[in-house]
């Protein structure tokens, strides 16, 4: 099955938009977790999880939008994630955030592995994908470490 460069570009915009949506879900979940933890844990959550995910989300959005503009495609719509279902247990929200971050990372890894970013010849897209993954690379491990300490 053959595809055109335009089809490949559209697919990349859609896939990166989906990854950004996962990062937005992670942000919403981290916000909910923050509301349920003590100040010291909240500070750690902010520093090691929220900030990198927020930066990755912004990078993914900028990358997708700029790529779409460069190739005269419709930019993905970024709709704010709905607040996750309430749970008084911050571990539930934290696990949701870790899971969403891992899904975003996996989606971007699959984009990179597909070689589409190379085939469409867009250096800025490749750099944006790499930077987004670098920003969130430590988040799942940090999140799991924080999960082990909450409530003890």
N, C-alpha and C. Protein backbone atom coordinates (compact mmCIF):
# COMPACT_ATOMS: atom_id res chain seq x y z
N UNK A 1 0.84 -1.18 0.00
CA UNK A 1 0.00 0.00 0.00
C UNK A 1 0.88 1.24 0.00
N UNK A 2 0.65 2.11 -0.92
CA UNK A 2 1.46 3.33 -0.98
C UNK A 2 0.70 4.48 -0.33
N UNK A 3 1.43 5.48 0.04
CA UNK A 3 0.83 6.66 0.64
C UNK A 3 1.59 7.87 0.11
N UNK A 4 0.94 8.99 0.17
CA UNK A 4 1.58 10.22 -0.28
C UNK A 4 2.27 10.90 0.90
N UNK A 5 3.16 11.80 0.58
CA UNK A 5 3.81 12.58 1.63
C UNK A 5 2.79 13.38 2.43
N UNK A 6 1.77 13.85 1.74
CA UNK A 6 0.73 14.61 2.44
C UNK A 6 -0.03 13.72 3.42
N UNK A 7 -0.33 12.48 3.01
CA UNK A 7 -1.00 11.54 3.92
C UNK A 7 -0.11 11.27 5.14
N UNK A 8 1.17 11.08 4.89
CA UNK A 8 2.11 10.82 5.98
C UNK A 8 2.17 12.01 6.92
N UNK A 9 2.18 13.21 6.38
CA UNK A 9 2.22 14.42 7.22
C UNK A 9 0.95 14.55 8.05
N UNK A 10 -0.19 14.28 7.42
CA UNK A 10 -1.45 14.33 8.17
C UNK A 10 -1.43 13.32 9.31
N UNK A 11 -0.93 12.13 9.04
CA UNK A 11 -0.86 11.09 10.06
C UNK A 11 0.04 11.53 11.21
N UNK A 12 1.15 12.16 10.89
CA UNK A 12 2.07 12.63 11.93
C UNK A 12 1.42 13.70 12.80
N UNK A 13 0.71 14.62 12.17
CA UNK A 13 0.02 15.67 12.94
C UNK A 13 -1.02 15.03 13.86
N UNK A 14 -1.77 14.09 13.34
CA UNK A 14 -2.79 13.42 14.15
C UNK A 14 -2.16 12.64 15.30
N UNK A 15 -1.10 11.91 15.01
CA UNK A 15 -0.45 11.11 16.05
C UNK A 15 0.17 11.98 17.13
N UNK A 16 0.80 13.07 16.72
CA UNK A 16 1.40 13.96 17.72
C UNK A 16 0.31 14.66 18.52
N UNK A 17 -0.79 14.99 17.89
CA UNK A 17 -1.93 15.56 18.62
C UNK A 17 -2.45 14.59 19.66
N UNK A 18 -2.50 13.31 19.32
CA UNK A 18 -2.95 12.29 20.27
C UNK A 18 -1.98 12.15 21.44
N UNK A 19 -0.69 12.20 21.15
CA UNK A 19 0.32 12.13 22.22
C UNK A 19 0.19 13.34 23.14
N UNK A 20 -0.03 14.51 22.55
CA UNK A 20 -0.21 15.73 23.35
C UNK A 20 -1.45 15.61 24.23
N UNK A 21 -2.49 14.99 23.72
CA UNK A 21 -3.71 14.80 24.52
C UNK A 21 -3.41 13.91 25.73
N UNK A 22 -2.57 12.92 25.57
CA UNK A 22 -2.18 12.08 26.71
C UNK A 22 -1.40 12.89 27.74
N UNK A 23 -0.54 13.77 27.26
CA UNK A 23 0.22 14.62 28.19
C UNK A 23 -0.72 15.58 28.92
N UNK A 24 -1.73 16.07 28.24
CA UNK A 24 -2.71 16.94 28.88
C UNK A 24 -3.48 16.18 29.95
N UNK A 25 -3.82 14.93 29.67
CA UNK A 25 -4.48 14.09 30.66
C UNK A 25 -3.56 13.88 31.87
N UNK A 26 -2.29 13.68 31.62
CA UNK A 26 -1.32 13.53 32.71
C UNK A 26 -1.29 14.79 33.56
N UNK A 27 -1.31 15.95 32.92
CA UNK A 27 -1.30 17.22 33.66
C UNK A 27 -2.54 17.34 34.55
N UNK A 28 -3.69 17.01 33.99
CA UNK A 28 -4.93 17.09 34.78
C UNK A 28 -4.87 16.13 35.97
N UNK A 29 -4.36 14.94 35.76
CA UNK A 29 -4.25 13.96 36.84
C UNK A 29 -3.25 14.41 37.89
N UNK A 30 -2.15 14.99 37.46
CA UNK A 30 -1.16 15.49 38.41
C UNK A 30 -1.75 16.64 39.23
N UNK A 31 -2.55 17.48 38.60
CA UNK A 31 -3.21 18.56 39.33
C UNK A 31 -4.13 18.03 40.41
N UNK A 32 -4.85 16.96 40.09
CA UNK A 32 -5.73 16.34 41.08
C UNK A 32 -4.91 15.71 42.21
N UNK A 33 -3.83 15.05 41.87
CA UNK A 33 -2.98 14.43 42.89
C UNK A 33 -2.41 15.49 43.82
N UNK A 34 -2.00 16.62 43.24
CA UNK A 34 -1.41 17.71 44.02
C UNK A 34 -2.36 18.19 45.11
N UNK A 35 -3.65 18.21 44.79
CA UNK A 35 -4.64 18.69 45.75
C UNK A 35 -4.78 17.77 46.96
N UNK A 36 -4.31 16.54 46.84
CA UNK A 36 -4.53 15.53 47.88
C UNK A 36 -3.29 15.21 48.71
N UNK A 37 -2.16 15.84 48.42
CA UNK A 37 -0.92 15.49 49.13
C UNK A 37 -0.47 16.62 50.04
N UNK A 38 0.46 16.29 50.93
CA UNK A 38 1.01 17.31 51.82
C UNK A 38 1.96 18.22 51.03
N UNK A 39 2.39 19.28 51.68
CA UNK A 39 3.20 20.30 51.01
C UNK A 39 4.52 19.76 50.47
N UNK A 40 5.22 18.96 51.26
CA UNK A 40 6.52 18.43 50.81
C UNK A 40 6.34 17.51 49.60
N UNK A 41 5.33 16.65 49.64
CA UNK A 41 5.07 15.76 48.51
C UNK A 41 4.62 16.55 47.30
N UNK A 42 3.81 17.58 47.54
CA UNK A 42 3.36 18.45 46.45
C UNK A 42 4.51 19.14 45.76
N UNK A 43 5.48 19.58 46.54
CA UNK A 43 6.65 20.23 45.95
C UNK A 43 7.44 19.25 45.08
N UNK A 44 7.58 18.05 45.57
CA UNK A 44 8.29 17.01 44.81
C UNK A 44 7.51 16.67 43.52
N UNK A 45 6.19 16.55 43.65
CA UNK A 45 5.35 16.28 42.50
C UNK A 45 5.48 17.39 41.46
N UNK A 46 5.47 18.61 41.92
CA UNK A 46 5.61 19.78 41.03
C UNK A 46 6.94 19.76 40.29
N UNK A 47 8.01 19.54 41.02
CA UNK A 47 9.35 19.61 40.45
C UNK A 47 9.66 18.46 39.50
N UNK A 48 9.36 17.23 39.93
CA UNK A 48 9.80 16.05 39.19
C UNK A 48 8.79 15.52 38.18
N UNK A 49 7.54 15.93 38.32
CA UNK A 49 6.52 15.39 37.41
C UNK A 49 5.79 16.49 36.64
N UNK A 50 5.18 17.42 37.36
CA UNK A 50 4.35 18.41 36.70
C UNK A 50 5.15 19.27 35.72
N UNK A 51 6.26 19.81 36.16
CA UNK A 51 7.05 20.69 35.28
C UNK A 51 7.52 20.00 34.02
N UNK A 52 8.11 18.79 34.12
CA UNK A 52 8.54 18.14 32.87
C UNK A 52 7.37 17.80 31.95
N UNK A 53 6.25 17.36 32.52
CA UNK A 53 5.10 17.02 31.68
C UNK A 53 4.53 18.28 31.04
N UNK A 54 4.46 19.37 31.80
CA UNK A 54 3.96 20.64 31.24
C UNK A 54 4.87 21.11 30.10
N UNK A 55 6.17 21.01 30.29
CA UNK A 55 7.11 21.41 29.24
C UNK A 55 6.98 20.52 28.02
N UNK A 56 6.82 19.22 28.24
CA UNK A 56 6.67 18.28 27.13
C UNK A 56 5.38 18.54 26.37
N UNK A 57 4.32 18.84 27.11
CA UNK A 57 3.03 19.15 26.47
C UNK A 57 3.17 20.39 25.59
N UNK A 58 3.79 21.42 26.12
CA UNK A 58 3.98 22.65 25.34
C UNK A 58 4.84 22.38 24.10
N UNK A 59 5.88 21.59 24.26
CA UNK A 59 6.76 21.26 23.13
C UNK A 59 6.00 20.47 22.07
N UNK A 60 5.23 19.49 22.50
CA UNK A 60 4.46 18.69 21.55
C UNK A 60 3.45 19.55 20.79
N UNK A 61 2.78 20.43 21.50
CA UNK A 61 1.81 21.33 20.85
C UNK A 61 2.50 22.24 19.84
N UNK A 62 3.60 22.87 20.27
CA UNK A 62 4.32 23.76 19.35
C UNK A 62 4.82 22.99 18.12
N UNK A 63 5.35 21.81 18.35
CA UNK A 63 5.89 21.00 17.26
C UNK A 63 4.79 20.64 16.28
N UNK A 64 3.66 20.17 16.77
CA UNK A 64 2.55 19.78 15.90
C UNK A 64 2.01 20.97 15.12
N UNK A 65 1.82 22.07 15.81
CA UNK A 65 1.27 23.27 15.16
C UNK A 65 2.22 23.82 14.11
N UNK A 66 3.50 23.92 14.44
CA UNK A 66 4.48 24.45 13.49
C UNK A 66 4.62 23.52 12.28
N UNK A 67 4.64 22.22 12.53
CA UNK A 67 4.74 21.25 11.43
C UNK A 67 3.54 21.40 10.50
N UNK A 68 2.34 21.47 11.08
CA UNK A 68 1.13 21.62 10.27
C UNK A 68 1.19 22.92 9.45
N UNK A 69 1.63 24.00 10.06
CA UNK A 69 1.72 25.28 9.35
C UNK A 69 2.73 25.21 8.21
N UNK A 70 3.89 24.59 8.48
CA UNK A 70 4.92 24.49 7.43
C UNK A 70 4.42 23.72 6.21
N UNK A 71 3.51 22.79 6.44
CA UNK A 71 3.04 21.94 5.35
C UNK A 71 1.60 22.21 4.96
N UNK A 72 1.10 23.37 5.41
CA UNK A 72 -0.24 23.83 5.06
C UNK A 72 -1.32 22.79 5.38
N UNK A 73 -1.22 22.23 6.57
CA UNK A 73 -2.20 21.26 7.05
C UNK A 73 -2.96 21.87 8.22
N UNK A 74 -4.12 21.31 8.48
CA UNK A 74 -4.87 21.77 9.65
C UNK A 74 -4.14 21.32 10.91
N UNK A 75 -3.94 22.25 11.81
CA UNK A 75 -3.29 21.93 13.08
C UNK A 75 -4.27 21.12 13.93
N UNK A 76 -3.76 20.25 14.78
CA UNK A 76 -4.67 19.50 15.64
C UNK A 76 -5.37 20.43 16.61
N UNK A 77 -6.59 20.05 16.98
CA UNK A 77 -7.30 20.82 17.99
C UNK A 77 -6.87 20.31 19.35
N UNK A 78 -6.50 21.23 20.21
CA UNK A 78 -6.08 20.87 21.56
C UNK A 78 -7.19 21.28 22.51
N UNK A 79 -7.95 20.30 22.93
CA UNK A 79 -9.05 20.53 23.86
C UNK A 79 -8.56 20.12 25.24
N UNK A 80 -8.76 20.98 26.21
CA UNK A 80 -8.31 20.68 27.57
C UNK A 80 -8.92 19.38 28.06
N UNK A 81 -8.09 18.58 28.68
CA UNK A 81 -8.56 17.29 29.21
C UNK A 81 -9.59 17.53 30.31
N UNK A 82 -10.60 16.71 30.30
CA UNK A 82 -11.59 16.77 31.36
C UNK A 82 -10.94 16.32 32.66
N UNK A 83 -11.41 16.87 33.74
CA UNK A 83 -10.88 16.45 35.04
C UNK A 83 -11.13 14.96 35.22
N UNK A 84 -10.10 14.25 35.64
CA UNK A 84 -10.28 12.82 35.86
C UNK A 84 -11.31 12.56 36.95
N UNK A 85 -11.87 11.37 36.94
CA UNK A 85 -12.84 11.00 37.97
C UNK A 85 -12.21 11.21 39.35
N UNK A 86 -12.99 11.77 40.23
CA UNK A 86 -12.46 12.11 41.55
C UNK A 86 -12.09 10.87 42.34
N UNK A 87 -11.01 10.99 43.05
CA UNK A 87 -10.59 9.97 44.00
C UNK A 87 -9.86 10.72 45.11
N UNK A 88 -10.18 10.44 46.33
CA UNK A 88 -9.49 11.07 47.45
C UNK A 88 -8.10 10.51 47.65
N UNK A 89 -7.75 9.49 46.90
CA UNK A 89 -6.44 8.84 47.01
C UNK A 89 -5.51 9.41 45.93
N UNK A 90 -4.51 10.17 46.32
CA UNK A 90 -3.62 10.77 45.32
C UNK A 90 -2.89 9.73 44.48
N UNK A 91 -2.74 8.53 45.01
CA UNK A 91 -2.05 7.48 44.26
C UNK A 91 -2.82 7.11 42.99
N UNK A 92 -4.14 7.18 43.04
CA UNK A 92 -4.95 6.88 41.86
C UNK A 92 -4.64 7.90 40.77
N UNK A 93 -4.63 9.17 41.13
CA UNK A 93 -4.35 10.23 40.16
C UNK A 93 -2.92 10.14 39.65
N UNK A 94 -2.02 9.87 40.54
CA UNK A 94 -0.61 9.76 40.16
C UNK A 94 -0.41 8.59 39.19
N UNK A 95 -1.04 7.47 39.45
CA UNK A 95 -0.93 6.32 38.53
C UNK A 95 -1.51 6.66 37.17
N UNK A 96 -2.63 7.38 37.14
CA UNK A 96 -3.22 7.81 35.86
C UNK A 96 -2.23 8.69 35.10
N UNK A 97 -1.56 9.58 35.81
CA UNK A 97 -0.59 10.48 35.17
C UNK A 97 0.58 9.69 34.60
N UNK A 98 1.09 8.75 35.38
CA UNK A 98 2.20 7.92 34.91
C UNK A 98 1.78 7.13 33.67
N UNK A 99 0.61 6.54 33.71
CA UNK A 99 0.11 5.75 32.58
C UNK A 99 -0.05 6.62 31.33
N UNK A 100 -0.62 7.81 31.49
CA UNK A 100 -0.82 8.70 30.35
C UNK A 100 0.52 9.16 29.78
N UNK A 101 1.48 9.43 30.64
CA UNK A 101 2.81 9.84 30.18
C UNK A 101 3.47 8.71 29.41
N UNK A 102 3.33 7.50 29.91
CA UNK A 102 3.90 6.35 29.20
C UNK A 102 3.23 6.15 27.84
N UNK A 103 1.92 6.36 27.77
CA UNK A 103 1.22 6.23 26.47
C UNK A 103 1.71 7.30 25.49
N UNK A 104 1.92 8.52 25.98
CA UNK A 104 2.44 9.58 25.11
C UNK A 104 3.83 9.23 24.61
N UNK A 105 4.67 8.78 25.51
CA UNK A 105 6.03 8.41 25.13
C UNK A 105 6.02 7.28 24.09
N UNK A 106 5.17 6.29 24.31
CA UNK A 106 5.07 5.16 23.38
C UNK A 106 4.58 5.63 22.01
N UNK A 107 3.60 6.52 21.99
CA UNK A 107 3.08 7.03 20.71
C UNK A 107 4.17 7.78 19.94
N UNK A 108 4.94 8.58 20.64
CA UNK A 108 6.01 9.33 19.97
C UNK A 108 7.12 8.39 19.52
N UNK A 109 7.43 7.38 20.34
CA UNK A 109 8.44 6.39 19.95
C UNK A 109 8.01 5.66 18.68
N UNK A 110 6.74 5.31 18.60
CA UNK A 110 6.23 4.64 17.40
C UNK A 110 6.32 5.55 16.18
N UNK A 111 6.06 6.85 16.37
CA UNK A 111 6.21 7.79 15.26
C UNK A 111 7.67 7.80 14.78
N UNK A 112 8.59 7.88 15.73
CA UNK A 112 10.00 7.90 15.38
C UNK A 112 10.41 6.59 14.71
N UNK A 113 9.96 5.47 15.24
CA UNK A 113 10.31 4.17 14.67
C UNK A 113 9.73 3.96 13.28
N UNK A 114 8.62 4.61 12.99
CA UNK A 114 7.98 4.45 11.68
C UNK A 114 8.81 5.04 10.55
N UNK A 115 9.73 5.90 10.90
CA UNK A 115 10.58 6.59 9.93
C UNK A 115 9.82 7.64 9.11
N UNK A 116 8.53 7.85 9.39
CA UNK A 116 7.79 8.89 8.67
C UNK A 116 8.41 10.27 8.86
N UNK A 117 8.87 10.63 10.08
CA UNK A 117 9.47 11.96 10.21
C UNK A 117 10.71 12.14 9.31
N UNK A 118 11.41 11.07 9.04
CA UNK A 118 12.57 11.14 8.15
C UNK A 118 12.10 11.19 6.70
N UNK A 119 11.11 10.36 6.38
CA UNK A 119 10.63 10.29 5.00
C UNK A 119 10.01 11.60 4.53
N UNK A 120 9.36 12.33 5.43
CA UNK A 120 8.76 13.60 5.02
C UNK A 120 9.77 14.73 5.08
N UNK A 121 10.98 14.42 5.57
CA UNK A 121 12.08 15.37 5.52
C UNK A 121 11.91 16.61 6.37
N UNK A 122 11.49 16.45 7.59
CA UNK A 122 11.26 17.62 8.43
C UNK A 122 12.10 17.53 9.70
N UNK A 123 13.22 18.25 9.70
CA UNK A 123 14.17 18.24 10.82
C UNK A 123 13.56 18.79 12.11
N UNK A 124 12.76 19.87 11.99
CA UNK A 124 12.16 20.47 13.17
C UNK A 124 11.20 19.50 13.86
N UNK A 125 10.47 18.72 13.07
CA UNK A 125 9.58 17.72 13.65
C UNK A 125 10.39 16.67 14.40
N UNK A 126 11.42 16.16 13.79
CA UNK A 126 12.25 15.14 14.45
C UNK A 126 12.83 15.68 15.74
N UNK A 127 13.32 16.91 15.70
CA UNK A 127 13.89 17.51 16.91
C UNK A 127 12.83 17.69 17.99
N UNK A 128 11.63 18.11 17.61
CA UNK A 128 10.54 18.29 18.57
C UNK A 128 10.12 16.99 19.21
N UNK A 129 10.07 15.93 18.41
CA UNK A 129 9.71 14.62 18.95
C UNK A 129 10.76 14.15 19.96
N UNK A 130 12.01 14.31 19.59
CA UNK A 130 13.10 13.90 20.48
C UNK A 130 13.07 14.70 21.77
N UNK A 131 12.90 16.00 21.65
CA UNK A 131 12.89 16.86 22.84
C UNK A 131 11.72 16.52 23.76
N UNK A 132 10.57 16.26 23.19
CA UNK A 132 9.40 15.90 24.00
C UNK A 132 9.67 14.63 24.79
N UNK A 133 10.24 13.63 24.13
CA UNK A 133 10.54 12.38 24.83
C UNK A 133 11.61 12.58 25.90
N UNK A 134 12.59 13.43 25.62
CA UNK A 134 13.63 13.69 26.63
C UNK A 134 13.03 14.32 27.88
N UNK A 135 12.08 15.23 27.68
CA UNK A 135 11.46 15.91 28.82
C UNK A 135 10.70 14.95 29.74
N UNK A 136 10.08 13.95 29.16
CA UNK A 136 9.26 13.04 29.98
C UNK A 136 9.96 11.73 30.32
N UNK A 137 11.19 11.57 29.90
CA UNK A 137 11.86 10.28 30.08
C UNK A 137 11.94 9.83 31.53
N UNK A 138 12.12 10.74 32.46
CA UNK A 138 12.26 10.36 33.86
C UNK A 138 10.93 10.33 34.61
N UNK A 139 9.88 10.82 34.00
CA UNK A 139 8.60 10.95 34.70
C UNK A 139 8.04 9.62 35.19
N UNK A 140 7.96 8.58 34.39
CA UNK A 140 7.40 7.33 34.93
C UNK A 140 8.17 6.79 36.13
N UNK A 141 9.47 6.80 36.08
CA UNK A 141 10.27 6.33 37.21
C UNK A 141 10.08 7.20 38.43
N UNK A 142 10.10 8.51 38.25
CA UNK A 142 9.87 9.43 39.37
C UNK A 142 8.47 9.23 39.94
N UNK A 143 7.51 9.03 39.05
CA UNK A 143 6.13 8.82 39.51
C UNK A 143 5.98 7.55 40.32
N UNK A 144 6.60 6.47 39.84
CA UNK A 144 6.54 5.21 40.59
C UNK A 144 7.23 5.33 41.94
N UNK A 145 8.34 6.05 41.96
CA UNK A 145 9.05 6.26 43.23
C UNK A 145 8.17 7.04 44.20
N UNK A 146 7.52 8.07 43.71
CA UNK A 146 6.62 8.85 44.55
C UNK A 146 5.42 8.02 45.00
N UNK A 147 4.92 7.16 44.13
CA UNK A 147 3.80 6.27 44.50
C UNK A 147 4.17 5.39 45.70
N UNK A 148 5.41 4.94 45.76
CA UNK A 148 5.84 4.07 46.86
C UNK A 148 5.89 4.81 48.19
N UNK A 149 6.04 6.12 48.15
CA UNK A 149 6.21 6.87 49.40
C UNK A 149 4.92 7.54 49.88
N UNK A 150 3.96 7.73 49.01
CA UNK A 150 2.71 8.39 49.42
C UNK A 150 1.93 7.49 50.34
N UNK A 151 1.45 8.06 51.41
CA UNK A 151 0.62 7.33 52.35
C UNK A 151 1.39 6.53 53.40
N UNK A 152 2.66 6.71 53.42
CA UNK A 152 3.47 5.98 54.41
C UNK A 152 3.84 6.88 55.55
